[in-house]
């Protein structure tokens, strides 16, 4: 398992070894020992999520209010997606920055999203399946969104695809508006969870 730091503080990408033979291949996208060695913390799984999206579907930027927050470990089980992490933690040294990685079912590369960062992805193929391990259970009232097309962020979504978004995501505020509304997490509130061993 190869681990690499991303541009957003606390974010990591993990690429497992792929074992191929005449039957196909086998990979382990999440390995606790490698994860702990890279991040210095353990990842507690409270829930698994599974989404299927048509080409051009754009989900996010989503985040969970702190507390409790929600860390995520995400990989693409089928198809291909442009997966984006956005630092929305007020006071973070990388606030407003993003990391974008293409995830696909062939590489089984995964991305770790620490508490307080935003997550978005665009499906690049029909029937793209994204699988998530998350550290807290879903609570609808704690889920927030930021406009993934915010020009201030300048995320390089594919220009040849017209994005399909939910009504909630289309109505989401831009980053500066969300900061003015006081709904963004504070970096200092995210640090204890990242170092507490709770993921």
C-alpha atoms as a PDB file:
ATOM      1  CA  UNK A   1       0.000   0.000   0.000  1.00  0.00           C
ATOM      2  CA  UNK A   2       1.424   3.358  -1.072  1.00  0.00           C
ATOM      3  CA  UNK A   3       0.328   6.445   0.895  1.00  0.00           C
ATOM      4  CA  UNK A   4       0.814  10.036  -0.261  1.00  0.00           C
ATOM      5  CA  UNK A   5      -0.096  13.366   1.313  1.00  0.00           C
ATOM      6  CA  UNK A   6      -2.476  15.634  -0.563  1.00  0.00           C
ATOM      7  CA  UNK A   7      -2.409  19.424  -0.909  1.00  0.00           C
ATOM      8  CA  UNK A   8      -5.128  19.768   1.751  1.00  0.00           C
ATOM      9  CA  UNK A   9      -3.713  19.429   5.263  1.00  0.00           C
ATOM     10  CA  UNK A  10      -4.539  16.015   6.725  1.00  0.00           C
ATOM     11  CA  UNK A  11      -5.685  14.515   3.400  1.00  0.00           C
ATOM     12  CA  UNK A  12      -4.105  11.333   2.025  1.00  0.00           C
ATOM     13  CA  UNK A  13      -4.365   9.097  -1.025  1.00  0.00           C
ATOM     14  CA  UNK A  14      -3.790   5.363  -0.694  1.00  0.00           C
ATOM     15  CA  UNK A  15      -2.976   3.057  -3.599  1.00  0.00           C
ATOM     16  CA  UNK A  16      -3.031  -0.680  -2.873  1.00  0.00           C
ATOM     17  CA  UNK A  17      -1.081  -3.413  -4.602  1.00  0.00           C
ATOM     18  CA  UNK A  18      -3.147  -5.127  -7.303  1.00  0.00           C
ATOM     19  CA  UNK A  19      -2.884  -8.930  -7.518  1.00  0.00           C
ATOM     20  CA  UNK A  20      -3.810 -10.114 -11.029  1.00  0.00           C
ATOM     21  CA  UNK A  21      -4.181 -13.571 -12.529  1.00  0.00           C
ATOM     22  CA  UNK A  22      -6.306 -15.348 -15.130  1.00  0.00           C
ATOM     23  CA  UNK A  23      -9.411 -14.941 -12.918  1.00  0.00           C
ATOM     24  CA  UNK A  24      -9.168 -11.135 -12.680  1.00  0.00           C
ATOM     25  CA  UNK A  25      -7.629  -9.204  -9.794  1.00  0.00           C
ATOM     26  CA  UNK A  26      -7.772  -8.728  -6.047  1.00  0.00           C
ATOM     27  CA  UNK A  27      -7.004  -5.576  -4.064  1.00  0.00           C
ATOM     28  CA  UNK A  28      -7.512  -4.251  -0.556  1.00  0.00           C
ATOM     29  CA  UNK A  29      -8.358  -0.521  -0.785  1.00  0.00           C
ATOM     30  CA  UNK A  30      -8.341  -0.055   3.036  1.00  0.00           C
ATOM     31  CA  UNK A  31      -5.543  -1.444   5.188  1.00  0.00           C
ATOM     32  CA  UNK A  32      -5.509  -0.385   8.827  1.00  0.00           C
ATOM     33  CA  UNK A  33      -1.773  -0.743   9.391  1.00  0.00           C
ATOM     34  CA  UNK A  34      -0.884   1.376   6.354  1.00  0.00           C
ATOM     35  CA  UNK A  35      -3.553   3.933   7.215  1.00  0.00           C
ATOM     36  CA  UNK A  36      -2.358   4.296  10.821  1.00  0.00           C
ATOM     37  CA  UNK A  37       1.292   4.519   9.766  1.00  0.00           C
ATOM     38  CA  UNK A  38       0.523   7.344   7.324  1.00  0.00           C
ATOM     39  CA  UNK A  39      -1.981   9.376   9.338  1.00  0.00           C
ATOM     40  CA  UNK A  40      -0.958   8.645  12.926  1.00  0.00           C
ATOM     41  CA  UNK A  41      -4.557   7.783  13.814  1.00  0.00           C
ATOM     42  CA  UNK A  42      -6.992   4.899  13.510  1.00  0.00           C
ATOM     43  CA  UNK A  43     -10.147   5.024  11.426  1.00  0.00           C
ATOM     44  CA  UNK A  44     -13.315   3.915  13.191  1.00  0.00           C
ATOM     45  CA  UNK A  45     -16.084   2.869  10.794  1.00  0.00           C
ATOM     46  CA  UNK A  46     -19.609   3.789  11.911  1.00  0.00           C
ATOM     47  CA  UNK A  47     -21.306   3.326   8.531  1.00  0.00           C
ATOM     48  CA  UNK A  48     -20.618   2.385   4.917  1.00  0.00           C
ATOM     49  CA  UNK A  49     -22.174   4.314   2.015  1.00  0.00           C
ATOM     50  CA  UNK A  50     -22.611   3.324  -1.629  1.00  0.00           C
ATOM     51  CA  UNK A  51     -23.659   5.612  -4.489  1.00  0.00           C
ATOM     52  CA  UNK A  52     -24.273   4.908  -8.173  1.00  0.00           C
ATOM     53  CA  UNK A  53     -24.088   7.845 -10.593  1.00  0.00           C
ATOM     54  CA  UNK A  54     -24.550   8.451 -14.304  1.00  0.00           C
ATOM     55  CA  UNK A  55     -21.833  10.232 -16.284  1.00  0.00           C
ATOM     56  CA  UNK A  56     -21.831  13.939 -15.444  1.00  0.00           C
ATOM     57  CA  UNK A  57     -23.469  13.617 -12.024  1.00  0.00           C
ATOM     58  CA  UNK A  58     -21.770  16.070  -9.664  1.00  0.00           C
ATOM     59  CA  UNK A  59     -22.273  15.468  -5.954  1.00  0.00           C
ATOM     60  CA  UNK A  60     -21.077  17.967  -3.347  1.00  0.00           C
ATOM     61  CA  UNK A  61     -19.327  19.815  -1.931  1.00  0.00           C
ATOM     62  CA  UNK A  62     -20.684  18.063   1.180  1.00  0.00           C
ATOM     63  CA  UNK A  63     -19.588  18.184   4.798  1.00  0.00           C
ATOM     64  CA  UNK A  64     -20.920  17.328   8.258  1.00  0.00           C
ATOM     65  CA  UNK A  65     -21.285  19.898  11.050  1.00  0.00           C
ATOM     66  CA  UNK A  66     -18.850  19.638  13.968  1.00  0.00           C
ATOM     67  CA  UNK A  67     -19.532  18.079  16.362  1.00  0.00           C
ATOM     68  CA  UNK A  68     -19.713  15.248  15.506  1.00  0.00           C
ATOM     69  CA  UNK A  69     -18.095  15.832  12.092  1.00  0.00           C
ATOM     70  CA  UNK A  70     -17.363  12.970   9.754  1.00  0.00           C
ATOM     71  CA  UNK A  71     -14.137  11.584   8.363  1.00  0.00           C
ATOM     72  CA  UNK A  72     -14.411   9.592   5.121  1.00  0.00           C
ATOM     73  CA  UNK A  73     -12.411   6.957   3.296  1.00  0.00           C
ATOM     74  CA  UNK A  74     -13.590   6.860  -0.317  1.00  0.00           C
ATOM     75  CA  UNK A  75     -12.825   4.685  -3.333  1.00  0.00           C
ATOM     76  CA  UNK A  76     -14.389   3.956  -6.716  1.00  0.00           C
ATOM     77  CA  UNK A  77     -15.706   0.379  -6.944  1.00  0.00           C
ATOM     78  CA  UNK A  78     -16.894   0.663 -10.568  1.00  0.00           C
ATOM     79  CA  UNK A  79     -16.380   3.219 -13.330  1.00  0.00           C
ATOM     80  CA  UNK A  80     -14.401   6.418 -12.968  1.00  0.00           C
ATOM     81  CA  UNK A  81     -14.761   9.688 -11.060  1.00  0.00           C
ATOM     82  CA  UNK A  82     -12.960  12.964 -10.464  1.00  0.00           C
ATOM     83  CA  UNK A  83     -12.876  13.095  -6.660  1.00  0.00           C
ATOM     84  CA  UNK A  84     -12.204  16.423  -4.932  1.00  0.00           C
ATOM     85  CA  UNK A  85     -11.295  17.355  -1.370  1.00  0.00           C
ATOM     86  CA  UNK A  86     -11.816  21.017  -0.398  1.00  0.00           C
ATOM     87  CA  UNK A  87     -10.403  22.567   2.768  1.00  0.00           C
ATOM     88  CA  UNK A  88     -13.309  24.524   4.265  1.00  0.00           C
ATOM     89  CA  UNK A  89     -11.869  24.604   7.816  1.00  0.00           C
ATOM     90  CA  UNK A  90     -11.632  28.237   8.881  1.00  0.00           C
ATOM     91  CA  UNK A  91      -8.121  28.891  10.165  1.00  0.00           C
ATOM     92  CA  UNK A  92      -6.541  25.942   8.351  1.00  0.00           C
ATOM     93  CA  UNK A  93      -3.177  26.583   6.690  1.00  0.00           C
ATOM     94  CA  UNK A  94      -4.716  25.262   3.466  1.00  0.00           C
ATOM     95  CA  UNK A  95      -8.164  26.913   3.768  1.00  0.00           C
ATOM     96  CA  UNK A  96      -9.808  27.294   0.352  1.00  0.00           C
ATOM     97  CA  UNK A  97      -7.410  24.885  -1.342  1.00  0.00           C
ATOM     98  CA  UNK A  98      -8.462  21.633  -2.969  1.00  0.00           C
ATOM     99  CA  UNK A  99      -6.991  18.329  -4.089  1.00  0.00           C
ATOM    100  CA  UNK A 100      -8.428  16.535  -7.137  1.00  0.00           C
ATOM    101  CA  UNK A 101      -7.719  12.917  -8.004  1.00  0.00           C
ATOM    102  CA  UNK A 102      -9.178  10.593 -10.590  1.00  0.00           C
ATOM    103  CA  UNK A 103     -10.416   7.423  -8.922  1.00  0.00           C
ATOM    104  CA  UNK A 104     -11.268   4.266 -10.838  1.00  0.00           C
ATOM    105  CA  UNK A 105     -12.035   0.612 -10.268  1.00  0.00           C
ATOM    106  CA  UNK A 106      -8.780  -0.542 -11.879  1.00  0.00           C
ATOM    107  CA  UNK A 107      -6.356   1.202  -9.509  1.00  0.00           C
ATOM    108  CA  UNK A 108      -8.547   0.917  -6.377  1.00  0.00           C
ATOM    109  CA  UNK A 109      -6.928   4.144  -5.170  1.00  0.00           C
ATOM    110  CA  UNK A 110      -8.683   5.598  -2.131  1.00  0.00           C
ATOM    111  CA  UNK A 111      -8.809   9.035  -0.512  1.00  0.00           C
ATOM    112  CA  UNK A 112      -8.969   9.870   3.188  1.00  0.00           C
ATOM    113  CA  UNK A 113     -10.972  12.980   4.091  1.00  0.00           C
ATOM    114  CA  UNK A 114     -10.286  14.191   7.647  1.00  0.00           C
ATOM    115  CA  UNK A 115     -12.973  15.836   9.774  1.00  0.00           C
ATOM    116  CA  UNK A 116     -14.095  19.232   8.555  1.00  0.00           C
ATOM    117  CA  UNK A 117     -13.090  19.058   4.896  1.00  0.00           C
ATOM    118  CA  UNK A 118     -15.573  19.079   2.020  1.00  0.00           C
ATOM    119  CA  UNK A 119     -16.078  16.265  -0.469  1.00  0.00           C
ATOM    120  CA  UNK A 120     -17.309  16.391  -4.056  1.00  0.00           C
ATOM    121  CA  UNK A 121     -17.016  14.162  -7.077  1.00  0.00           C
ATOM    122  CA  UNK A 122     -18.127  13.989 -10.695  1.00  0.00           C
ATOM    123  CA  UNK A 123     -18.859  10.636 -12.343  1.00  0.00           C
ATOM    124  CA  UNK A 124     -16.869  10.320 -15.562  1.00  0.00           C
ATOM    125  CA  UNK A 125     -18.676   7.170 -16.727  1.00  0.00           C
ATOM    126  CA  UNK A 126     -22.191   5.800 -16.438  1.00  0.00           C
ATOM    127  CA  UNK A 127     -22.848   3.543 -13.456  1.00  0.00           C
ATOM    128  CA  UNK A 128     -19.911   4.895 -11.493  1.00  0.00           C
ATOM    129  CA  UNK A 129     -19.990   3.389  -7.996  1.00  0.00           C
ATOM    130  CA  UNK A 130     -18.411   5.273  -5.095  1.00  0.00           C
ATOM    131  CA  UNK A 131     -17.955   3.436  -1.816  1.00  0.00           C
ATOM    132  CA  UNK A 132     -17.387   5.239   1.460  1.00  0.00           C
ATOM    133  CA  UNK A 133     -16.323   4.237   4.941  1.00  0.00           C
ATOM    134  CA  UNK A 134     -17.441   6.990   7.336  1.00  0.00           C
ATOM    135  CA  UNK A 135     -16.635   7.667  10.978  1.00  0.00           C
ATOM    136  CA  UNK A 136     -20.114   8.782  12.107  1.00  0.00           C
ATOM    137  CA  UNK A 137     -23.683   7.812  11.285  1.00  0.00           C
ATOM    138  CA  UNK A 138     -25.698   9.909   8.847  1.00  0.00           C
ATOM    139  CA  UNK A 139     -27.867  12.642  10.382  1.00  0.00           C
ATOM    140  CA  UNK A 140     -29.637  14.693   7.718  1.00  0.00           C
ATOM    141  CA  UNK A 141     -29.890  17.829   9.846  1.00  0.00           C
ATOM    142  CA  UNK A 142     -26.082  17.953  10.223  1.00  0.00           C
ATOM    143  CA  UNK A 143     -25.301  17.651   6.509  1.00  0.00           C
ATOM    144  CA  UNK A 144     -24.308  20.874   4.702  1.00  0.00           C
ATOM    145  CA  UNK A 145     -23.182  21.765   1.198  1.00  0.00           C
ATOM    146  CA  UNK A 146     -21.098  24.368  -0.620  1.00  0.00           C
ATOM    147  CA  UNK A 147     -21.405  25.217  -4.325  1.00  0.00           C
ATOM    148  CA  UNK A 148     -19.044  22.929  -6.243  1.00  0.00           C
ATOM    149  CA  UNK A 149     -19.029  25.424  -9.137  1.00  0.00           C
ATOM    150  CA  UNK A 150     -17.896  28.347  -6.962  1.00  0.00           C
ATOM    151  CA  UNK A 151     -15.518  30.326  -9.220  1.00  0.00           C
ATOM    152  CA  UNK A 152     -13.474  31.363  -6.170  1.00  0.00           C
ATOM    153  CA  UNK A 153     -12.486  27.720  -5.722  1.00  0.00           C
ATOM    154  CA  UNK A 154     -11.827  27.126  -9.415  1.00  0.00           C
ATOM    155  CA  UNK A 155     -12.135  23.349  -9.288  1.00  0.00           C
ATOM    156  CA  UNK A 156     -11.261  21.963 -12.758  1.00  0.00           C
ATOM    157  CA  UNK A 157     -14.397  19.958 -13.500  1.00  0.00           C
ATOM    158  CA  UNK A 158     -14.359  18.440 -17.010  1.00  0.00           C
ATOM    159  CA  UNK A 159     -15.407  21.097 -19.513  1.00  0.00           C
ATOM    160  CA  UNK A 160     -16.978  18.621 -21.921  1.00  0.00           C
ATOM    161  CA  UNK A 161     -19.641  17.487 -19.419  1.00  0.00           C
ATOM    162  CA  UNK A 162     -22.766  19.370 -18.359  1.00  0.00           C
ATOM    163  CA  UNK A 163     -23.038  18.619 -14.643  1.00  0.00           C
ATOM    164  CA  UNK A 164     -26.194  17.075 -13.217  1.00  0.00           C
ATOM    165  CA  UNK A 165     -26.758  18.284  -9.647  1.00  0.00           C
ATOM    166  CA  UNK A 166     -29.415  17.923  -6.987  1.00  0.00           C
ATOM    167  CA  UNK A 167     -31.610  20.891  -6.088  1.00  0.00           C
ATOM    168  CA  UNK A 168     -29.821  21.078  -2.730  1.00  0.00           C
ATOM    169  CA  UNK A 169     -26.401  21.249  -4.354  1.00  0.00           C
ATOM    170  CA  UNK A 170     -27.538  23.881  -6.889  1.00  0.00           C
ATOM    171  CA  UNK A 171     -28.826  26.069  -4.035  1.00  0.00           C
ATOM    172  CA  UNK A 172     -25.718  25.672  -1.868  1.00  0.00           C
ATOM    173  CA  UNK A 173     -23.835  28.851  -0.892  1.00  0.00           C
ATOM    174  CA  UNK A 174     -20.389  29.676  -2.198  1.00  0.00           C
ATOM    175  CA  UNK A 175     -17.425  29.292   0.163  1.00  0.00           C
ATOM    176  CA  UNK A 176     -17.266  32.994   1.115  1.00  0.00           C
ATOM    177  CA  UNK A 177     -21.032  33.058   1.723  1.00  0.00           C
ATOM    178  CA  UNK A 178     -20.838  29.942   3.906  1.00  0.00           C
ATOM    179  CA  UNK A 179     -18.008  31.504   5.905  1.00  0.00           C
ATOM    180  CA  UNK A 180     -20.042  34.700   6.398  1.00  0.00           C
ATOM    181  CA  UNK A 181     -23.015  32.585   7.556  1.00  0.00           C
ATOM    182  CA  UNK A 182     -20.797  30.943  10.173  1.00  0.00           C
ATOM    183  CA  UNK A 183     -21.586  27.379   9.049  1.00  0.00           C
ATOM    184  CA  UNK A 184     -18.035  26.273   8.251  1.00  0.00           C
ATOM    185  CA  UNK A 185     -16.039  24.151  10.688  1.00  0.00           C
ATOM    186  CA  UNK A 186     -13.098  25.692  12.526  1.00  0.00           C
ATOM    187  CA  UNK A 187      -9.693  24.090  12.040  1.00  0.00           C
ATOM    188  CA  UNK A 188      -8.961  24.097  15.775  1.00  0.00           C
ATOM    189  CA  UNK A 189     -12.122  22.080  16.394  1.00  0.00           C
ATOM    190  CA  UNK A 190     -11.027  19.425  13.912  1.00  0.00           C
ATOM    191  CA  UNK A 191      -7.560  18.789  15.334  1.00  0.00           C
ATOM    192  CA  UNK A 192      -8.524  16.901  18.534  1.00  0.00           C
ATOM    193  CA  UNK A 193     -10.545  14.307  16.581  1.00  0.00           C
ATOM    194  CA  UNK A 194      -7.739  13.796  14.082  1.00  0.00           C
ATOM    195  CA  UNK A 195      -5.273  13.068  16.861  1.00  0.00           C
ATOM    196  CA  UNK A 196      -7.611  11.277  19.261  1.00  0.00           C
ATOM    197  CA  UNK A 197      -7.555   7.921  17.506  1.00  0.00           C
ATOM    198  CA  UNK A 198     -11.216   8.189  16.585  1.00  0.00           C
ATOM    199  CA  UNK A 199     -10.612   9.082  12.921  1.00  0.00           C
END
